[in-house]
Amino acid sequence: MTKSLYTACAAIALSLSLTTHGLAADEYNVSKGVTTAGVPLGLHGSDPVTLSTFNAVAEGDAAHTVVVDDVAYYFASADSARTFEAAPNNYLPQFGGFCAFAVALGKKFDGDPQYADIVDGKLYLFVNAEIFEKYKKDSKRIIAKAHKTWPSIKNTAVGDL
C-alpha cells in the first residue's frame, strides 16, 4: 500500500510540476516521460547544434544534457553542449520544435529532425517527407504564415487545436 501511495504522490507532483513550468500548454514538442534531468526530452534526443549548424542529425547522449525552459536537450559531445549553453536561441528549433507546415495551418504536429531546413540561420522541422516536399515548393510563404500563426497557438494545448 505504501508503494502505491508513493507512486500516486509522485505522479501528482510531476503533473503539478509540468503544469507550473508551463509545459501543460504544449509550447514545446517533447517526448513523453521525463529524462534523468527531471524534464521531458526535446528534439527526439538529437543534438541541436549539429542539426542547426550542418542540417545533419547526430544522436545526442544523456551524459551531455542541457536544460532550457524545462526541456532537456542531448548533445553528441561536451563541446557541442558548451556551444549550445553559450547561445541556446541560436540552435533551438522554431515553434517549439513542432512542424512548421502544421503551425502555418494552426496545428501542432511532431517535428522530426530527419526533415529539417535552415532558413536565415533558423531551424525549422517538419513531420515527414511528404510534408517536407510540399513545404519546399513554397517555403517562404509557409515560414511567413507559421511565424504569423505561432503567437496565437503557442500557449494552446495540442488537443485544443
C-alpha atoms as a PDB file:
ATOM      1  CA  MET A   1       0.000   0.000   0.000  1.00  0.00           C
ATOM      2  CA  THR A   2       2.830   2.415   0.794  1.00  0.00           C
ATOM      3  CA  LYS A   3       4.437   1.859  -2.603  1.00  0.00           C
ATOM      4  CA  SER A   4       1.122   2.624  -4.363  1.00  0.00           C
ATOM      5  CA  LEU A   5       0.653   5.767  -2.309  1.00  0.00           C
ATOM      6  CA  TYR A   6       4.218   6.879  -3.089  1.00  0.00           C
ATOM      7  CA  THR A   7       3.679   6.255  -6.811  1.00  0.00           C
ATOM      8  CA  ALA A   8       0.420   8.223  -6.810  1.00  0.00           C
ATOM      9  CA  CYS A   9       2.020  11.149  -4.968  1.00  0.00           C
ATOM     10  CA  ALA A  10       4.967  11.174  -7.346  1.00  0.00           C
ATOM     11  CA  ALA A  11       2.634  11.219 -10.362  1.00  0.00           C
ATOM     12  CA  ILE A  12       0.635  14.118  -8.910  1.00  0.00           C
ATOM     13  CA  ALA A  13       3.809  16.041  -8.082  1.00  0.00           C
ATOM     14  CA  LEU A  14       5.152  15.528 -11.608  1.00  0.00           C
ATOM     15  CA  SER A  15       1.860  16.648 -13.102  1.00  0.00           C
ATOM     16  CA  LEU A  16       1.809  19.788 -10.955  1.00  0.00           C
ATOM     17  CA  SER A  17       5.454  20.466 -11.757  1.00  0.00           C
ATOM     18  CA  LEU A  18       4.845  20.256 -15.505  1.00  0.00           C
ATOM     19  CA  THR A  19       1.797  22.498 -15.211  1.00  0.00           C
ATOM     20  CA  THR A  20       3.692  25.011 -13.083  1.00  0.00           C
ATOM     21  CA  HIS A  21       6.550  25.141 -15.567  1.00  0.00           C
ATOM     22  CA  GLY A  22       4.201  25.852 -18.464  1.00  0.00           C
ATOM     23  CA  LEU A  23       4.573  22.561 -20.314  1.00  0.00           C
ATOM     24  CA  ALA A  24       0.888  21.732 -19.969  1.00  0.00           C
ATOM     25  CA  ALA A  25       0.150  24.217 -22.755  1.00  0.00           C
ATOM     26  CA  ASP A  26       2.385  22.257 -25.155  1.00  0.00           C
ATOM     27  CA  GLU A  27       4.711  25.135 -26.000  1.00  0.00           C
ATOM     28  CA  TYR A  28       7.452  22.625 -26.803  1.00  0.00           C
ATOM     29  CA  ASN A  29       7.378  19.420 -28.777  1.00  0.00           C
ATOM     30  CA  VAL A  30       8.784  16.918 -26.274  1.00  0.00           C
ATOM     31  CA  SER A  31       8.940  13.158 -25.900  1.00  0.00           C
ATOM     32  CA  LYS A  32       6.626  11.570 -23.376  1.00  0.00           C
ATOM     33  CA  GLY A  33       8.088  10.908 -19.955  1.00  0.00           C
ATOM     34  CA  VAL A  34      10.999  12.641 -18.318  1.00  0.00           C
ATOM     35  CA  THR A  35      14.770  12.432 -18.558  1.00  0.00           C
ATOM     36  CA  THR A  36      17.165  11.945 -15.664  1.00  0.00           C
ATOM     37  CA  ALA A  37      17.214  15.767 -15.532  1.00  0.00           C
ATOM     38  CA  GLY A  38      13.575  15.524 -14.423  1.00  0.00           C
ATOM     39  CA  VAL A  39      12.098  17.187 -17.520  1.00  0.00           C
ATOM     40  CA  PRO A  40      10.920  15.962 -20.951  1.00  0.00           C
ATOM     41  CA  LEU A  41      13.301  15.441 -23.873  1.00  0.00           C
ATOM     42  CA  GLY A  42      13.336  17.779 -26.866  1.00  0.00           C
ATOM     43  CA  LEU A  43      14.330  17.148 -30.484  1.00  0.00           C
ATOM     44  CA  HIS A  44      13.914  13.400 -30.099  1.00  0.00           C
ATOM     45  CA  GLY A  45      17.328  13.346 -28.393  1.00  0.00           C
ATOM     46  CA  SER A  46      19.127  14.737 -31.443  1.00  0.00           C
ATOM     47  CA  ASP A  47      21.962  17.230 -30.999  1.00  0.00           C
ATOM     48  CA  PRO A  48      20.524  20.714 -31.768  1.00  0.00           C
ATOM     49  CA  VAL A  49      23.936  22.246 -32.532  1.00  0.00           C
ATOM     50  CA  THR A  50      24.767  19.689 -35.204  1.00  0.00           C
ATOM     51  CA  LEU A  51      21.263  19.934 -36.650  1.00  0.00           C
ATOM     52  CA  SER A  52      21.203  23.746 -36.705  1.00  0.00           C
ATOM     53  CA  THR A  53      24.743  24.134 -37.992  1.00  0.00           C
ATOM     54  CA  PHE A  54      25.109  21.315 -40.505  1.00  0.00           C
ATOM     55  CA  ASN A  55      21.479  20.218 -41.056  1.00  0.00           C
ATOM     56  CA  ALA A  56      22.662  16.759 -40.060  1.00  0.00           C
ATOM     57  CA  VAL A  57      21.140  14.500 -37.435  1.00  0.00           C
ATOM     58  CA  ALA A  58      23.518  13.396 -34.691  1.00  0.00           C
ATOM     59  CA  GLU A  59      22.225  11.321 -31.817  1.00  0.00           C
ATOM     60  CA  GLY A  60      22.747  13.060 -28.517  1.00  0.00           C
ATOM     61  CA  ASP A  61      23.949  11.413 -25.320  1.00  0.00           C
ATOM     62  CA  ALA A  62      22.309  11.876 -21.927  1.00  0.00           C
ATOM     63  CA  ALA A  63      25.808  12.385 -20.494  1.00  0.00           C
ATOM     64  CA  HIS A  64      25.770  15.748 -22.296  1.00  0.00           C
ATOM     65  CA  THR A  65      22.421  17.233 -21.258  1.00  0.00           C
ATOM     66  CA  VAL A  66      21.466  20.894 -21.153  1.00  0.00           C
ATOM     67  CA  VAL A  67      18.064  22.026 -19.872  1.00  0.00           C
ATOM     68  CA  VAL A  68      16.406  25.133 -21.325  1.00  0.00           C
ATOM     69  CA  ASP A  69      12.843  26.194 -20.439  1.00  0.00           C
ATOM     70  CA  ASP A  70      12.254  22.870 -18.682  1.00  0.00           C
ATOM     71  CA  VAL A  71      13.188  20.851 -21.773  1.00  0.00           C
ATOM     72  CA  ALA A  72      16.264  18.598 -21.837  1.00  0.00           C
ATOM     73  CA  TYR A  73      18.443  18.547 -24.931  1.00  0.00           C
ATOM     74  CA  TYR A  74      21.076  15.877 -25.550  1.00  0.00           C
ATOM     75  CA  PHE A  75      24.369  16.537 -27.314  1.00  0.00           C
ATOM     76  CA  ALA A  76      26.821  14.349 -29.153  1.00  0.00           C
ATOM     77  CA  SER A  77      29.764  15.871 -27.275  1.00  0.00           C
ATOM     78  CA  ALA A  78      30.661  18.142 -24.374  1.00  0.00           C
ATOM     79  CA  ASP A  79      31.878  20.749 -26.901  1.00  0.00           C
ATOM     80  CA  SER A  80      28.515  20.775 -28.609  1.00  0.00           C
ATOM     81  CA  ALA A  81      26.742  21.176 -25.254  1.00  0.00           C
ATOM     82  CA  ARG A  82      29.019  24.110 -24.328  1.00  0.00           C
ATOM     83  CA  THR A  83      28.355  25.773 -27.683  1.00  0.00           C
ATOM     84  CA  PHE A  84      24.625  25.457 -27.068  1.00  0.00           C
ATOM     85  CA  GLU A  85      24.841  26.769 -23.493  1.00  0.00           C
ATOM     86  CA  ALA A  86      26.603  29.909 -24.732  1.00  0.00           C
ATOM     87  CA  ALA A  87      23.694  30.853 -27.038  1.00  0.00           C
ATOM     88  CA  PRO A  88      20.766  28.389 -26.941  1.00  0.00           C
ATOM     89  CA  ASN A  89      18.464  30.537 -29.067  1.00  0.00           C
ATOM     90  CA  ASN A  90      20.880  30.156 -31.969  1.00  0.00           C
ATOM     91  CA  TYR A  91      20.235  26.409 -32.043  1.00  0.00           C
ATOM     92  CA  LEU A  92      16.699  25.781 -30.781  1.00  0.00           C
ATOM     93  CA  PRO A  93      14.124  24.854 -33.410  1.00  0.00           C
ATOM     94  CA  GLN A  94      11.459  27.406 -34.254  1.00  0.00           C
ATOM     95  CA  PHE A  95       7.907  26.925 -32.984  1.00  0.00           C
ATOM     96  CA  GLY A  96       8.998  24.841 -30.006  1.00  0.00           C
ATOM     97  CA  GLY A  97      10.123  22.057 -32.336  1.00  0.00           C
ATOM     98  CA  PHE A  98       6.691  21.490 -33.868  1.00  0.00           C
ATOM     99  CA  CYS A  99       6.262  21.020 -37.625  1.00  0.00           C
ATOM    100  CA  ALA A 100       6.463  24.450 -39.282  1.00  0.00           C
ATOM    101  CA  PHE A 101       3.994  23.435 -42.012  1.00  0.00           C
ATOM    102  CA  ALA A 102       1.429  22.386 -39.401  1.00  0.00           C
ATOM    103  CA  VAL A 103       1.975  25.589 -37.416  1.00  0.00           C
ATOM    104  CA  ALA A 104       1.190  27.570 -40.586  1.00  0.00           C
ATOM    105  CA  LEU A 105      -2.152  25.715 -40.605  1.00  0.00           C
ATOM    106  CA  GLY A 106      -2.788  26.415 -36.907  1.00  0.00           C
ATOM    107  CA  LYS A 107      -1.826  22.920 -35.705  1.00  0.00           C
ATOM    108  CA  LYS A 108       0.944  21.373 -33.654  1.00  0.00           C
ATOM    109  CA  PHE A 109       2.330  18.178 -35.174  1.00  0.00           C
ATOM    110  CA  ASP A 110       5.561  16.421 -34.319  1.00  0.00           C
ATOM    111  CA  GLY A 111       8.680  17.960 -35.818  1.00  0.00           C
ATOM    112  CA  ASP A 112      11.081  15.239 -36.911  1.00  0.00           C
ATOM    113  CA  PRO A 113      14.803  16.151 -37.013  1.00  0.00           C
ATOM    114  CA  GLN A 114      15.125  13.946 -40.128  1.00  0.00           C
ATOM    115  CA  TYR A 115      13.103  16.574 -42.013  1.00  0.00           C
ATOM    116  CA  ALA A 116      14.702  19.919 -41.236  1.00  0.00           C
ATOM    117  CA  ASP A 117      15.567  23.122 -43.012  1.00  0.00           C
ATOM    118  CA  ILE A 118      17.736  26.069 -42.002  1.00  0.00           C
ATOM    119  CA  VAL A 119      16.461  29.423 -43.237  1.00  0.00           C
ATOM    120  CA  ASP A 120      18.248  32.648 -42.317  1.00  0.00           C
ATOM    121  CA  GLY A 121      20.087  30.780 -39.575  1.00  0.00           C
ATOM    122  CA  LYS A 122      16.866  29.420 -38.023  1.00  0.00           C
ATOM    123  CA  LEU A 123      15.984  25.732 -37.704  1.00  0.00           C
ATOM    124  CA  TYR A 124      12.587  24.508 -38.914  1.00  0.00           C
ATOM    125  CA  LEU A 125      11.298  20.956 -38.506  1.00  0.00           C
ATOM    126  CA  PHE A 126       8.643  19.026 -40.427  1.00  0.00           C
ATOM    127  CA  VAL A 127       6.533  15.983 -39.633  1.00  0.00           C
ATOM    128  CA  ASN A 128       7.501  13.720 -42.565  1.00  0.00           C
ATOM    129  CA  ALA A 129       8.988  13.540 -46.069  1.00  0.00           C
ATOM    130  CA  GLU A 130       5.701  14.271 -47.853  1.00  0.00           C
ATOM    131  CA  ILE A 131       5.072  17.474 -45.887  1.00  0.00           C
ATOM    132  CA  PHE A 132       8.722  18.490 -46.245  1.00  0.00           C
ATOM    133  CA  GLU A 133       8.427  18.222 -50.036  1.00  0.00           C
ATOM    134  CA  LYS A 134       5.231  20.316 -50.012  1.00  0.00           C
ATOM    135  CA  TYR A 135       6.997  22.912 -47.864  1.00  0.00           C
ATOM    136  CA  LYS A 136       9.916  23.169 -50.302  1.00  0.00           C
ATOM    137  CA  LYS A 137       7.549  24.199 -53.123  1.00  0.00           C
ATOM    138  CA  ASP A 138       6.524  27.378 -51.269  1.00  0.00           C
ATOM    139  CA  SER A 139       8.904  27.658 -48.313  1.00  0.00           C
ATOM    140  CA  LYS A 140       8.938  31.439 -47.899  1.00  0.00           C
ATOM    141  CA  ARG A 141       5.156  31.711 -47.736  1.00  0.00           C
ATOM    142  CA  ILE A 142       4.828  28.784 -45.346  1.00  0.00           C
ATOM    143  CA  ILE A 143       7.522  30.112 -42.989  1.00  0.00           C
ATOM    144  CA  ALA A 144       5.952  33.584 -43.026  1.00  0.00           C
ATOM    145  CA  LYS A 145       2.494  32.178 -42.303  1.00  0.00           C
ATOM    146  CA  ALA A 146       3.855  29.967 -39.500  1.00  0.00           C
ATOM    147  CA  HIS A 147       5.514  32.983 -37.856  1.00  0.00           C
ATOM    148  CA  LYS A 148       2.222  34.879 -38.090  1.00  0.00           C
ATOM    149  CA  THR A 149       0.201  31.951 -36.670  1.00  0.00           C
ATOM    150  CA  TRP A 150       2.557  30.796 -33.880  1.00  0.00           C
ATOM    151  CA  PRO A 151       1.760  33.540 -31.333  1.00  0.00           C
ATOM    152  CA  SER A 152      -1.930  32.627 -31.404  1.00  0.00           C
ATOM    153  CA  ILE A 153      -1.345  28.887 -30.823  1.00  0.00           C
ATOM    154  CA  LYS A 154       1.877  28.855 -28.785  1.00  0.00           C
ATOM    155  CA  ASN A 155       0.101  28.519 -25.427  1.00  0.00           C
ATOM    156  CA  THR A 156      -2.696  26.286 -26.689  1.00  0.00           C
ATOM    157  CA  ALA A 157      -2.649  22.590 -25.827  1.00  0.00           C
ATOM    158  CA  VAL A 158      -2.239  20.244 -28.792  1.00  0.00           C
ATOM    159  CA  GLY A 159      -5.619  18.637 -28.104  1.00  0.00           C
ATOM    160  CA  ASP A 160      -7.376  22.010 -28.255  1.00  0.00           C
ATOM    161  CA  LEU A 161      -6.262  22.833 -31.806  1.00  0.00           C
END
